[in-house]
C-alpha atoms as a PDB file:
ATOM      1  CA  MET A   1       0.000   0.000   0.000  1.00  0.00           C
ATOM      2  CA  GLY A   2       1.437   3.364  -1.023  1.00  0.00           C
ATOM      3  CA  THR A   3       1.539   6.575   0.931  1.00  0.00           C
ATOM      4  CA  ARG A   4      -1.934   7.926   1.582  1.00  0.00           C
ATOM      5  CA  VAL A   5      -2.511  11.676   1.293  1.00  0.00           C
ATOM      6  CA  ILE A   6      -5.135  13.278   3.538  1.00  0.00           C
ATOM      7  CA  GLY A   7      -6.198  16.810   2.644  1.00  0.00           C
ATOM      8  CA  LEU A   8      -6.509  19.562   5.241  1.00  0.00           C
ATOM      9  CA  THR A   9      -8.434  22.693   4.343  1.00  0.00           C
ATOM     10  CA  GLY A  10     -10.914  25.213   5.684  1.00  0.00           C
ATOM     11  CA  GLY A  11     -12.151  28.729   5.310  1.00  0.00           C
ATOM     12  CA  ILE A  12      -9.688  31.591   5.494  1.00  0.00           C
ATOM     13  CA  ALA A  13      -8.741  32.295   9.140  1.00  0.00           C
ATOM     14  CA  SER A  14     -10.739  29.256  10.277  1.00  0.00           C
ATOM     15  CA  GLY A  15      -7.890  27.789  12.319  1.00  0.00           C
ATOM     16  CA  LYS A  16      -6.437  25.491   9.660  1.00  0.00           C
ATOM     17  CA  SER A  17      -2.820  26.292  10.524  1.00  0.00           C
ATOM     18  CA  THR A  18      -3.504  25.624  14.204  1.00  0.00           C
ATOM     19  CA  VAL A  19      -4.923  22.212  13.309  1.00  0.00           C
ATOM     20  CA  ALA A  20      -1.900  21.528  11.093  1.00  0.00           C
ATOM     21  CA  HIS A  21       0.394  22.237  14.055  1.00  0.00           C
ATOM     22  CA  MET A  22      -1.668  19.918  16.240  1.00  0.00           C
ATOM     23  CA  LEU A  23      -1.391  17.147  13.655  1.00  0.00           C
ATOM     24  CA  ALA A  24       2.366  17.682  13.429  1.00  0.00           C
ATOM     25  CA  GLU A  25       2.585  17.387  17.217  1.00  0.00           C
ATOM     26  CA  LEU A  26       0.824  14.034  16.895  1.00  0.00           C
ATOM     27  CA  GLY A  27       3.512  12.877  14.484  1.00  0.00           C
ATOM     28  CA  ALA A  28       1.878  13.675  11.143  1.00  0.00           C
ATOM     29  CA  ALA A  29       4.033  14.602   8.157  1.00  0.00           C
ATOM     30  CA  VAL A  30       2.446  17.850   6.959  1.00  0.00           C
ATOM     31  CA  ILE A  31       3.079  19.451   3.580  1.00  0.00           C
ATOM     32  CA  ASP A  32       1.964  23.089   3.588  1.00  0.00           C
ATOM     33  CA  ALA A  33       0.812  24.203   0.124  1.00  0.00           C
ATOM     34  CA  ASP A  34       1.422  27.826   1.101  1.00  0.00           C
ATOM     35  CA  GLN A  35       5.071  27.035   1.871  1.00  0.00           C
ATOM     36  CA  VAL A  36       5.350  25.120  -1.391  1.00  0.00           C
ATOM     37  CA  ALA A  37       3.873  28.165  -3.135  1.00  0.00           C
ATOM     38  CA  ARG A  38       6.581  30.335  -1.572  1.00  0.00           C
ATOM     39  CA  ASP A  39       9.287  27.910  -2.616  1.00  0.00           C
ATOM     40  CA  ILE A  40       8.255  27.724  -6.277  1.00  0.00           C
ATOM     41  CA  VAL A  41       8.371  31.516  -6.719  1.00  0.00           C
ATOM     42  CA  ARG A  42      11.813  32.056  -5.257  1.00  0.00           C
ATOM     43  CA  PRO A  43      14.236  34.022  -7.443  1.00  0.00           C
ATOM     44  CA  GLY A  44      15.450  31.862 -10.312  1.00  0.00           C
ATOM     45  CA  GLN A  45      12.328  29.688 -10.409  1.00  0.00           C
ATOM     46  CA  PRO A  46      10.266  29.611 -13.655  1.00  0.00           C
ATOM     47  CA  ALA A  47       7.067  30.586 -11.812  1.00  0.00           C
ATOM     48  CA  LEU A  48       8.594  33.897 -10.748  1.00  0.00           C
ATOM     49  CA  ALA A  49       9.369  34.863 -14.327  1.00  0.00           C
ATOM     50  CA  ALA A  50       5.814  33.935 -15.341  1.00  0.00           C
ATOM     51  CA  ILE A  51       4.347  36.088 -12.559  1.00  0.00           C
ATOM     52  CA  VAL A  52       6.444  39.088 -13.569  1.00  0.00           C
ATOM     53  CA  ALA A  53       5.408  38.603 -17.201  1.00  0.00           C
ATOM     54  CA  ALA A  54       1.740  38.533 -16.171  1.00  0.00           C
ATOM     55  CA  PHE A  55       1.622  41.209 -13.492  1.00  0.00           C
ATOM     56  CA  GLY A  56       4.701  43.363 -13.989  1.00  0.00           C
ATOM     57  CA  ALA A  57       7.794  44.040 -11.914  1.00  0.00           C
ATOM     58  CA  GLU A  58       5.755  46.101  -9.444  1.00  0.00           C
ATOM     59  CA  VAL A  59       4.748  42.875  -7.680  1.00  0.00           C
ATOM     60  CA  LEU A  60       8.384  42.335  -6.664  1.00  0.00           C
ATOM     61  CA  THR A  61      10.239  43.608  -3.632  1.00  0.00           C
ATOM     62  CA  THR A  62      13.454  45.557  -4.022  1.00  0.00           C
ATOM     63  CA  SER A  63      15.371  42.293  -3.496  1.00  0.00           C
ATOM     64  CA  GLY A  64      13.592  40.646  -6.435  1.00  0.00           C
ATOM     65  CA  GLU A  65      11.231  38.411  -4.475  1.00  0.00           C
ATOM     66  CA  VAL A  66       7.447  38.308  -4.774  1.00  0.00           C
ATOM     67  CA  ASP A  67       5.764  40.993  -2.697  1.00  0.00           C
ATOM     68  CA  ARG A  68       3.031  38.682  -1.440  1.00  0.00           C
ATOM     69  CA  LYS A  69       0.943  41.447   0.124  1.00  0.00           C
ATOM     70  CA  ARG A  70       0.943  43.560  -3.030  1.00  0.00           C
ATOM     71  CA  LEU A  71       0.203  40.570  -5.238  1.00  0.00           C
ATOM     72  CA  ALA A  72      -2.614  39.476  -2.915  1.00  0.00           C
ATOM     73  CA  GLU A  73      -4.198  42.940  -3.047  1.00  0.00           C
ATOM     74  CA  ARG A  74      -4.081  42.761  -6.833  1.00  0.00           C
ATOM     75  CA  VAL A  75      -5.608  39.309  -7.273  1.00  0.00           C
ATOM     76  CA  PHE A  76      -8.232  39.482  -4.530  1.00  0.00           C
ATOM     77  CA  ALA A  77      -9.610  42.638  -6.146  1.00  0.00           C
ATOM     78  CA  ASP A  78      -9.725  41.056  -9.615  1.00  0.00           C
ATOM     79  CA  PRO A  79     -11.134  37.535 -10.130  1.00  0.00           C
ATOM     80  CA  ALA A  80      -9.589  37.300 -13.610  1.00  0.00           C
ATOM     81  CA  ALA A  81      -6.162  38.156 -12.182  1.00  0.00           C
ATOM     82  CA  ARG A  82      -6.637  35.568  -9.439  1.00  0.00           C
ATOM     83  CA  ARG A  83      -7.429  32.885 -12.018  1.00  0.00           C
ATOM     84  CA  GLN A  84      -4.392  33.927 -14.021  1.00  0.00           C
ATOM     85  CA  LEU A  85      -2.152  33.586 -10.971  1.00  0.00           C
ATOM     86  CA  GLU A  86      -3.672  30.197 -10.180  1.00  0.00           C
ATOM     87  CA  ARG A  87      -2.927  28.989 -13.723  1.00  0.00           C
ATOM     88  CA  ILE A  88       0.715  29.894 -13.162  1.00  0.00           C
ATOM     89  CA  THR A  89       1.153  28.505  -9.676  1.00  0.00           C
ATOM     90  CA  HIS A  90      -1.254  25.580  -9.226  1.00  0.00           C
ATOM     91  CA  PRO A  91       0.347  23.116 -11.676  1.00  0.00           C
ATOM     92  CA  ARG A  92       3.780  23.830 -10.216  1.00  0.00           C
ATOM     93  CA  ILE A  93       2.500  23.503  -6.649  1.00  0.00           C
ATOM     94  CA  LEU A  94       0.967  20.121  -7.484  1.00  0.00           C
ATOM     95  CA  GLU A  95       4.156  18.934  -9.174  1.00  0.00           C
ATOM     96  CA  GLU A  96       6.359  19.945  -6.238  1.00  0.00           C
ATOM     97  CA  THR A  97       3.885  18.490  -3.744  1.00  0.00           C
ATOM     98  CA  ALA A  98       3.891  15.155  -5.587  1.00  0.00           C
ATOM     99  CA  ARG A  99       7.679  15.152  -5.452  1.00  0.00           C
ATOM    100  CA  ARG A 100       7.650  15.747  -1.696  1.00  0.00           C
ATOM    101  CA  VAL A 101       5.022  13.054  -1.101  1.00  0.00           C
ATOM    102  CA  ALA A 102       7.100  10.576  -3.090  1.00  0.00           C
ATOM    103  CA  GLU A 103      10.200  11.504  -1.078  1.00  0.00           C
ATOM    104  CA  LEU A 104       8.347  10.948   2.195  1.00  0.00           C
ATOM    105  CA  GLY A 105       7.080   7.634   0.861  1.00  0.00           C
ATOM    106  CA  THR A 106      10.616   6.439   0.222  1.00  0.00           C
ATOM    107  CA  ARG A 107      11.326   7.189   3.880  1.00  0.00           C
ATOM    108  CA  GLY A 108       8.481   4.921   4.961  1.00  0.00           C
ATOM    109  CA  VAL A 109       5.876   7.551   5.783  1.00  0.00           C
ATOM    110  CA  ALA A 110       2.464   5.905   5.391  1.00  0.00           C
ATOM    111  CA  VAL A 111       0.220   8.994   5.700  1.00  0.00           C
ATOM    112  CA  VAL A 112       0.907  12.558   4.578  1.00  0.00           C
ATOM    113  CA  VAL A 113      -1.323  15.527   5.407  1.00  0.00           C
ATOM    114  CA  TYR A 114      -1.567  18.087   2.608  1.00  0.00           C
ATOM    115  CA  GLU A 115      -2.617  21.491   3.949  1.00  0.00           C
ATOM    116  CA  ALA A 116      -4.088  23.769   1.267  1.00  0.00           C
ATOM    117  CA  SER A 117      -6.546  26.663   1.352  1.00  0.00           C
ATOM    118  CA  LEU A 118      -8.066  26.107  -2.105  1.00  0.00           C
ATOM    119  CA  LEU A 119      -8.173  22.327  -2.067  1.00  0.00           C
ATOM    120  CA  VAL A 120     -11.922  22.094  -2.662  1.00  0.00           C
ATOM    121  CA  GLU A 121     -12.127  25.074  -5.030  1.00  0.00           C
ATOM    122  CA  SER A 122      -9.489  23.501  -7.275  1.00  0.00           C
ATOM    123  CA  GLY A 123     -11.056  20.040  -7.091  1.00  0.00           C
ATOM    124  CA  GLY A 124      -7.787  18.663  -5.727  1.00  0.00           C
ATOM    125  CA  HIS A 125      -9.560  16.934  -2.848  1.00  0.00           C
ATOM    126  CA  ARG A 126     -11.114  14.385  -5.202  1.00  0.00           C
ATOM    127  CA  GLY A 127      -7.909  12.452  -5.681  1.00  0.00           C
ATOM    128  CA  LEU A 128      -7.024  12.228  -1.998  1.00  0.00           C
ATOM    129  CA  ALA A 129      -7.557   9.430   0.503  1.00  0.00           C
ATOM    130  CA  GLY A 130      -9.579  11.670   2.819  1.00  0.00           C
ATOM    131  CA  LEU A 131     -10.351  15.273   3.706  1.00  0.00           C
ATOM    132  CA  ILE A 132     -10.239  17.216   6.977  1.00  0.00           C
ATOM    133  CA  VAL A 133     -12.118  20.527   6.959  1.00  0.00           C
ATOM    134  CA  VAL A 134     -11.621  23.128   9.681  1.00  0.00           C
ATOM    135  CA  ALA A 135     -14.790  25.172  10.135  1.00  0.00           C
ATOM    136  CA  ALA A 136     -15.450  28.428  11.957  1.00  0.00           C
ATOM    137  CA  SER A 137     -18.247  30.975  11.906  1.00  0.00           C
ATOM    138  CA  ALA A 138     -18.029  33.888   9.487  1.00  0.00           C
ATOM    139  CA  GLU A 139     -17.864  36.273  12.441  1.00  0.00           C
ATOM    140  CA  VAL A 140     -14.827  34.475  13.854  1.00  0.00           C
ATOM    141  CA  GLN A 141     -13.161  34.351  10.439  1.00  0.00           C
ATOM    142  CA  LEU A 142     -13.660  38.081   9.841  1.00  0.00           C
ATOM    143  CA  ARG A 143     -12.360  39.017  13.289  1.00  0.00           C
ATOM    144  CA  ARG A 144      -9.283  36.817  12.962  1.00  0.00           C
ATOM    145  CA  LEU A 145      -8.579  38.036   9.442  1.00  0.00           C
ATOM    146  CA  GLN A 146      -8.672  41.672  10.522  1.00  0.00           C
ATOM    147  CA  GLU A 147      -6.457  40.995  13.534  1.00  0.00           C
ATOM    148  CA  ARG A 148      -4.016  38.699  11.724  1.00  0.00           C
ATOM    149  CA  ASP A 149      -3.499  40.709   8.548  1.00  0.00           C
ATOM    150  CA  GLY A 150      -4.380  44.199   9.783  1.00  0.00           C
ATOM    151  CA  LEU A 151      -7.214  44.500   7.261  1.00  0.00           C
ATOM    152  CA  ALA A 152     -10.156  46.850   7.230  1.00  0.00           C
ATOM    153  CA  ALA A 153     -13.550  45.185   7.642  1.00  0.00           C
ATOM    154  CA  ASP A 154     -14.510  45.604   3.962  1.00  0.00           C
ATOM    155  CA  GLU A 155     -11.227  44.125   2.723  1.00  0.00           C
ATOM    156  CA  ALA A 156     -11.531  41.190   5.126  1.00  0.00           C
ATOM    157  CA  ALA A 157     -15.090  40.576   3.923  1.00  0.00           C
ATOM    158  CA  ARG A 158     -13.945  40.697   0.295  1.00  0.00           C
ATOM    159  CA  ARG A 159     -11.266  38.080   0.912  1.00  0.00           C
ATOM    160  CA  LEU A 160     -13.737  35.859   2.740  1.00  0.00           C
ATOM    161  CA  ALA A 161     -16.209  36.162  -0.149  1.00  0.00           C
ATOM    162  CA  ALA A 162     -13.510  35.207  -2.657  1.00  0.00           C
ATOM    163  CA  GLN A 163     -13.403  31.662  -1.304  1.00  0.00           C
ATOM    164  CA  ALA A 164     -15.957  28.927  -1.787  1.00  0.00           C
ATOM    165  CA  PRO A 165     -18.709  28.892   0.869  1.00  0.00           C
ATOM    166  CA  LEU A 166     -17.626  26.911   3.900  1.00  0.00           C
ATOM    167  CA  ARG A 167     -20.709  24.709   3.607  1.00  0.00           C
ATOM    168  CA  ASP A 168     -19.398  23.441   0.254  1.00  0.00           C
ATOM    169  CA  LYS A 169     -16.188  22.301   1.943  1.00  0.00           C
ATOM    170  CA  VAL A 170     -17.986  20.727   4.897  1.00  0.00           C
ATOM    171  CA  ALA A 171     -20.233  18.834   2.462  1.00  0.00           C
ATOM    172  CA  VAL A 172     -17.270  16.889   1.043  1.00  0.00           C
ATOM    173  CA  ALA A 173     -15.366  16.464   4.322  1.00  0.00           C
ATOM    174  CA  ASP A 174     -14.577  13.170   6.000  1.00  0.00           C
ATOM    175  CA  TYR A 175     -13.659  14.922   9.238  1.00  0.00           C
ATOM    176  CA  VAL A 176     -14.899  18.348  10.370  1.00  0.00           C
ATOM    177  CA  ILE A 177     -12.903  20.158  13.049  1.00  0.00           C
ATOM    178  CA  ASP A 178     -14.406  23.084  14.967  1.00  0.00           C
ATOM    179  CA  GLY A 179     -11.803  25.806  14.601  1.00  0.00           C
ATOM    180  CA  SER A 180     -13.717  28.292  16.721  1.00  0.00           C
ATOM    181  CA  ALA A 181     -13.993  26.049  19.776  1.00  0.00           C
ATOM    182  CA  ALA A 182     -11.718  26.128  22.817  1.00  0.00           C
ATOM    183  CA  LEU A 183      -8.252  24.795  21.981  1.00  0.00           C
ATOM    184  CA  GLU A 184      -8.761  21.756  24.183  1.00  0.00           C
ATOM    185  CA  THR A 185     -11.918  20.842  22.248  1.00  0.00           C
ATOM    186  CA  THR A 186     -10.241  21.358  18.893  1.00  0.00           C
ATOM    187  CA  ARG A 187      -7.229  19.310  20.015  1.00  0.00           C
ATOM    188  CA  ALA A 188      -9.486  16.423  21.080  1.00  0.00           C
ATOM    189  CA  GLN A 189     -11.261  16.461  17.716  1.00  0.00           C
ATOM    190  CA  VAL A 190      -7.939  16.480  15.871  1.00  0.00           C
ATOM    191  CA  ALA A 191      -6.619  13.577  17.948  1.00  0.00           C
ATOM    192  CA  ALA A 192      -9.769  11.541  17.259  1.00  0.00           C
ATOM    193  CA  ALA A 193      -9.563  12.188  13.511  1.00  0.00           C
ATOM    194  CA  TRP A 194      -5.855  11.339  13.364  1.00  0.00           C
ATOM    195  CA  SER A 195      -6.401   8.152  15.332  1.00  0.00           C
ATOM    196  CA  ASP A 196      -9.095   7.078  12.877  1.00  0.00           C
ATOM    197  CA  ILE A 197      -6.865   7.905   9.901  1.00  0.00           C
ATOM    198  CA  LEU A 198      -3.993   5.851  11.303  1.00  0.00           C
ATOM    199  CA  ALA A 199      -6.451   2.975  11.796  1.00  0.00           C
ATOM    200  CA  GLY A 200      -7.273   3.056   8.077  1.00  0.00           C
ATOM    201  CA  GLY A 201     -10.021   5.669   7.914  1.00  0.00           C
ATOM    202  CA  PRO A 202     -11.945   7.301   6.470  1.00  0.00           C
ATOM    203  CA  ARG A 203     -14.063   4.255   5.709  1.00  0.00           C
ATOM    204  CA  ARG A 204     -17.066   5.723   3.915  1.00  0.00           C
ATOM    205  CA  ARG A 205     -15.212   6.140   0.611  1.00  0.00           C
ATOM    206  CA  VAL A 206     -15.800   3.531  -2.071  1.00  0.00           C
END
């Protein structure tokens, strides 16, 4: 049996990264799509040249790296620009992720957790062995987003609206974690899900 890949996703500022840390503490090998996305656009990488060609040199810092905040402001305000960026980055993210999964497999890792914000939107969850969704109320998401990124309320709401409705993600989940609960509650839910996964779950898939 090869390495199984379990997806981890959720709404923006739902607590997904916190759950990823909890899984790592339990011994899970976690691949963070956001970190992969950073790695593939480092100076010298083909994706960086493609981004500059599409959006101009103004999305770079003075040191020649992607200015993630400026690029995010550009694509969140323009759905066509966001799709263009996704066409550049998504195939490369998937390719690099597959390479990392294969490397972990050669080291004997049986289960890998793939943490990605747009896993359901992209349809990437369909090819995985299971899916964990971290859910939180819209009010909690908006508050966290404003506090975390220093955004105004309207900008935070716009970023929240840019993602698929949380109910769509929950509908295809094998495990739903309450990201707005007390940490002890969330940790217990994560431990239960991970225990089931290690025992061969989820079992409802055919």
